[in-house]
N, C-alpha and C. Protein backbone atom coordinates (compact mmCIF):
# COMPACT_ATOMS: atom_id res chain seq x y z
N MET A 1 110.61 -72.46 32.18
CA MET A 1 109.69 -71.45 31.67
C MET A 1 108.74 -71.97 30.60
N ALA A 2 109.34 -72.80 29.77
CA ALA A 2 108.48 -73.41 28.60
C ALA A 2 107.43 -74.27 29.18
N GLU A 3 107.80 -75.05 30.36
CA GLU A 3 106.76 -75.85 30.91
C GLU A 3 105.53 -75.08 31.60
N GLN A 4 105.89 -73.91 31.98
CA GLN A 4 104.89 -73.03 32.63
C GLN A 4 103.89 -72.51 31.50
N GLY A 5 104.46 -72.22 30.28
CA GLY A 5 103.76 -71.81 29.12
C GLY A 5 102.71 -73.00 28.66
N GLU A 6 103.30 -74.08 28.65
CA GLU A 6 102.47 -75.30 28.29
C GLU A 6 101.32 -75.55 29.27
N ASP A 7 101.60 -75.27 30.65
CA ASP A 7 100.58 -75.44 31.63
C ASP A 7 99.46 -74.41 31.30
N LYS A 8 99.80 -73.27 30.92
CA LYS A 8 98.87 -72.18 30.70
C LYS A 8 98.01 -72.68 29.39
N VAL A 9 98.67 -73.05 28.39
CA VAL A 9 97.93 -73.53 27.22
C VAL A 9 97.01 -74.67 27.55
N GLN A 10 97.42 -75.66 28.38
CA GLN A 10 96.43 -76.76 28.83
C GLN A 10 95.33 -76.30 29.57
N GLU A 11 95.62 -75.33 30.49
CA GLU A 11 94.53 -74.75 31.26
C GLU A 11 93.50 -73.97 30.46
N GLY A 12 94.09 -73.32 29.48
CA GLY A 12 93.15 -72.56 28.49
C GLY A 12 92.27 -73.58 27.71
N ILE A 13 92.86 -74.65 27.31
CA ILE A 13 92.19 -75.69 26.50
C ILE A 13 91.02 -76.26 27.40
N GLU A 14 91.36 -76.51 28.64
CA GLU A 14 90.43 -77.13 29.57
C GLU A 14 89.19 -76.13 29.77
N HIS A 15 89.47 -74.90 29.93
CA HIS A 15 88.45 -73.85 30.10
C HIS A 15 87.56 -73.85 28.88
N LEU A 16 88.24 -73.93 27.71
CA LEU A 16 87.47 -73.91 26.45
C LEU A 16 86.52 -75.06 26.29
N GLN A 17 87.07 -76.22 26.73
CA GLN A 17 86.27 -77.50 26.66
C GLN A 17 85.15 -77.36 27.58
N SER A 18 85.35 -76.83 28.81
CA SER A 18 84.32 -76.70 29.83
C SER A 18 83.21 -75.78 29.29
N ALA A 19 83.62 -74.66 28.72
CA ALA A 19 82.60 -73.69 28.12
C ALA A 19 81.86 -74.33 26.99
N ALA A 20 82.53 -75.08 26.08
CA ALA A 20 81.77 -75.79 25.10
C ALA A 20 80.81 -76.72 25.57
N ARG A 21 81.12 -77.38 26.61
CA ARG A 21 80.13 -78.33 27.17
C ARG A 21 78.91 -77.66 27.78
N GLU A 22 79.19 -76.48 28.39
CA GLU A 22 78.10 -75.64 28.96
C GLU A 22 77.12 -75.15 27.76
N VAL A 23 77.83 -74.73 26.67
CA VAL A 23 77.05 -74.29 25.56
C VAL A 23 76.17 -75.43 24.90
N ILE A 24 76.77 -76.58 24.86
CA ILE A 24 76.03 -77.72 24.35
C ILE A 24 74.89 -78.07 25.29
N LYS A 25 75.13 -78.08 26.61
CA LYS A 25 73.99 -78.29 27.59
C LYS A 25 72.92 -77.29 27.44
N ALA A 26 73.29 -75.94 27.38
CA ALA A 26 72.29 -75.03 27.18
C ALA A 26 71.50 -75.11 25.91
N THR A 27 72.15 -75.47 24.82
CA THR A 27 71.55 -75.68 23.57
C THR A 27 70.46 -76.82 23.63
N ARG A 28 70.98 -77.95 24.26
CA ARG A 28 69.97 -78.98 24.51
C ARG A 28 68.65 -78.59 25.13
N LEU A 29 68.89 -77.92 26.25
CA LEU A 29 67.77 -77.42 27.04
C LEU A 29 66.90 -76.51 26.16
N LEU A 30 67.49 -75.69 25.40
CA LEU A 30 66.74 -74.84 24.58
C LEU A 30 65.93 -75.58 23.47
N LEU A 31 66.53 -76.55 22.90
CA LEU A 31 65.93 -77.35 21.97
C LEU A 31 64.76 -78.25 22.58
N ASP A 32 64.89 -78.77 23.81
CA ASP A 32 63.92 -79.41 24.55
C ASP A 32 62.69 -78.55 24.76
N ALA A 33 62.96 -77.30 25.12
CA ALA A 33 61.93 -76.35 25.37
C ALA A 33 61.17 -75.99 24.12
N ALA A 34 61.97 -75.90 22.97
CA ALA A 34 61.36 -75.57 21.70
C ALA A 34 60.47 -76.76 21.23
N GLU A 35 60.92 -78.01 21.47
CA GLU A 35 60.14 -79.19 21.08
C GLU A 35 58.78 -79.26 21.85
N GLU A 36 58.93 -78.80 23.17
CA GLU A 36 57.67 -78.92 23.98
C GLU A 36 56.70 -77.88 23.40
N LEU A 37 57.19 -76.73 23.00
CA LEU A 37 56.30 -75.70 22.45
C LEU A 37 55.66 -76.12 21.12
N VAL A 38 56.46 -76.90 20.32
CA VAL A 38 55.82 -77.44 19.06
C VAL A 38 54.77 -78.48 19.28
N GLU A 39 55.02 -79.22 20.30
CA GLU A 39 54.07 -80.34 20.62
C GLU A 39 52.89 -79.78 21.37
N ASP A 40 52.91 -78.68 22.04
CA ASP A 40 51.74 -78.09 22.75
C ASP A 40 51.63 -76.62 22.43
N PRO A 41 50.97 -76.35 21.28
CA PRO A 41 50.78 -74.98 20.86
C PRO A 41 49.98 -74.14 21.89
N ARG A 42 49.26 -74.74 22.75
CA ARG A 42 48.55 -74.01 23.78
C ARG A 42 49.52 -73.27 24.77
N SER A 43 50.67 -74.05 25.04
CA SER A 43 51.65 -73.42 25.93
C SER A 43 52.23 -72.17 25.34
N VAL A 44 52.34 -72.11 23.95
CA VAL A 44 52.80 -70.90 23.31
C VAL A 44 51.86 -69.72 23.59
N GLN A 45 50.57 -70.02 23.45
CA GLN A 45 49.61 -68.95 23.77
C GLN A 45 49.74 -68.51 25.23
N ASP A 46 49.90 -69.38 26.16
CA ASP A 46 50.00 -69.04 27.52
C ASP A 46 51.26 -68.17 27.77
N ILE A 47 52.40 -68.52 27.20
CA ILE A 47 53.63 -67.75 27.23
C ILE A 47 53.41 -66.36 26.66
N VAL A 48 52.81 -66.22 25.41
CA VAL A 48 52.58 -64.95 24.84
C VAL A 48 51.70 -64.10 25.59
N ALA A 49 50.70 -64.71 26.23
CA ALA A 49 49.79 -64.00 27.11
C ALA A 49 50.41 -63.41 28.35
N ALA A 50 51.40 -64.22 28.93
CA ALA A 50 52.08 -63.82 30.06
C ALA A 50 53.03 -62.67 29.78
N VAL A 51 53.73 -62.81 28.66
CA VAL A 51 54.65 -61.76 28.26
C VAL A 51 53.83 -60.51 27.94
N ALA A 52 52.77 -60.58 27.25
CA ALA A 52 51.88 -59.39 27.00
C ALA A 52 51.47 -58.74 28.33
N SER A 53 51.13 -59.53 29.28
CA SER A 53 50.65 -58.93 30.53
C SER A 53 51.83 -58.23 31.15
N LEU A 54 52.99 -58.88 31.22
CA LEU A 54 54.18 -58.19 31.77
C LEU A 54 54.48 -56.86 31.09
N ALA A 55 54.39 -56.82 29.72
CA ALA A 55 54.61 -55.75 28.91
C ALA A 55 53.58 -54.55 29.22
N GLN A 56 52.36 -54.99 29.30
CA GLN A 56 51.39 -54.04 29.74
C GLN A 56 51.65 -53.41 31.13
N SER A 57 51.96 -54.23 32.04
CA SER A 57 52.33 -53.69 33.37
C SER A 57 53.52 -52.81 33.32
N ALA A 58 54.63 -53.06 32.58
CA ALA A 58 55.74 -52.23 32.49
C ALA A 58 55.35 -50.91 31.86
N ALA A 59 54.59 -50.94 30.77
CA ALA A 59 54.14 -49.79 30.06
C ALA A 59 53.35 -48.81 31.03
N ALA A 60 52.40 -49.49 31.86
CA ALA A 60 51.66 -48.64 32.72
C ALA A 60 52.49 -47.93 33.72
N ARG A 61 53.57 -48.54 34.11
CA ARG A 61 54.45 -47.93 35.21
C ARG A 61 55.27 -46.80 34.58
N LEU A 62 55.50 -46.93 33.13
CA LEU A 62 56.35 -45.93 32.50
C LEU A 62 55.52 -44.81 32.00
N ARG A 63 54.24 -44.85 31.95
CA ARG A 63 53.40 -43.78 31.40
C ARG A 63 53.64 -42.45 32.11
N VAL A 64 53.65 -41.31 31.42
CA VAL A 64 53.72 -40.00 31.86
C VAL A 64 52.41 -39.55 32.36
N PRO A 65 52.20 -39.06 33.60
CA PRO A 65 50.92 -38.61 33.94
C PRO A 65 50.36 -37.56 32.97
N GLY A 66 49.13 -37.72 32.59
CA GLY A 66 48.39 -36.83 31.68
C GLY A 66 48.51 -37.37 30.21
N ALA A 67 49.50 -38.34 29.96
CA ALA A 67 49.61 -38.86 28.59
C ALA A 67 48.46 -39.66 28.08
N ALA A 68 47.86 -40.38 29.08
CA ALA A 68 46.70 -41.27 28.69
C ALA A 68 45.50 -40.48 28.06
N SER A 69 45.32 -39.16 28.54
CA SER A 69 44.26 -38.34 28.12
C SER A 69 44.50 -37.80 26.65
N GLY A 70 45.70 -37.95 26.25
CA GLY A 70 46.04 -37.45 24.87
C GLY A 70 46.47 -35.94 24.81
N THR A 71 46.62 -35.41 26.03
CA THR A 71 47.01 -33.94 26.02
C THR A 71 48.41 -33.90 26.34
N ALA A 72 49.12 -32.83 25.80
CA ALA A 72 50.53 -32.77 26.15
C ALA A 72 50.73 -31.42 26.96
N ASP A 73 49.75 -30.85 27.46
CA ASP A 73 49.90 -29.63 28.19
C ASP A 73 50.92 -29.73 29.32
N GLY A 74 51.98 -28.99 29.20
CA GLY A 74 52.99 -29.01 30.20
C GLY A 74 53.87 -30.19 30.19
N ASP A 75 53.71 -31.02 29.06
CA ASP A 75 54.56 -32.22 29.00
C ASP A 75 55.56 -32.05 27.87
N ASP A 76 56.89 -31.90 28.41
CA ASP A 76 57.95 -31.72 27.38
C ASP A 76 58.42 -32.97 26.76
N HIS A 77 57.81 -34.16 27.12
CA HIS A 77 58.29 -35.41 26.55
C HIS A 77 57.59 -35.69 25.25
N VAL A 78 56.48 -35.06 25.00
CA VAL A 78 55.68 -35.45 23.78
C VAL A 78 55.64 -34.25 22.91
N GLN A 79 56.01 -34.43 21.62
CA GLN A 79 55.85 -33.38 20.62
C GLN A 79 54.89 -33.85 19.60
N ARG A 80 53.80 -33.06 19.48
CA ARG A 80 52.83 -33.48 18.47
C ARG A 80 53.02 -32.68 17.18
N ILE A 81 53.03 -33.39 16.00
CA ILE A 81 53.24 -32.73 14.78
C ILE A 81 51.97 -33.06 13.90
N ARG A 82 51.31 -32.02 13.44
CA ARG A 82 50.20 -32.16 12.68
C ARG A 82 50.62 -32.54 11.22
N VAL A 83 49.95 -33.49 10.57
CA VAL A 83 50.22 -33.87 9.28
C VAL A 83 48.99 -33.67 8.45
N SER A 84 49.00 -32.88 7.47
CA SER A 84 47.81 -32.51 6.62
C SER A 84 47.77 -33.21 5.33
């Protein structure tokens, strides 16, 4: 019975080691990508532009009809509060 417990402990250690190796590998890839961004600032602009474009597309799909005109007639999703 004790041998079975030791096997489980060894298996757990092996899984942790494997996971640690994957984290290290992912961190290296992330650092490589970060280094490329530092070396080529233009690529940062391209990425930001792409993300902005995706955000605009997503926002356009989520807009409530009639919300673009600034009116909330019949629209229960928008509450306008006047501040004087």
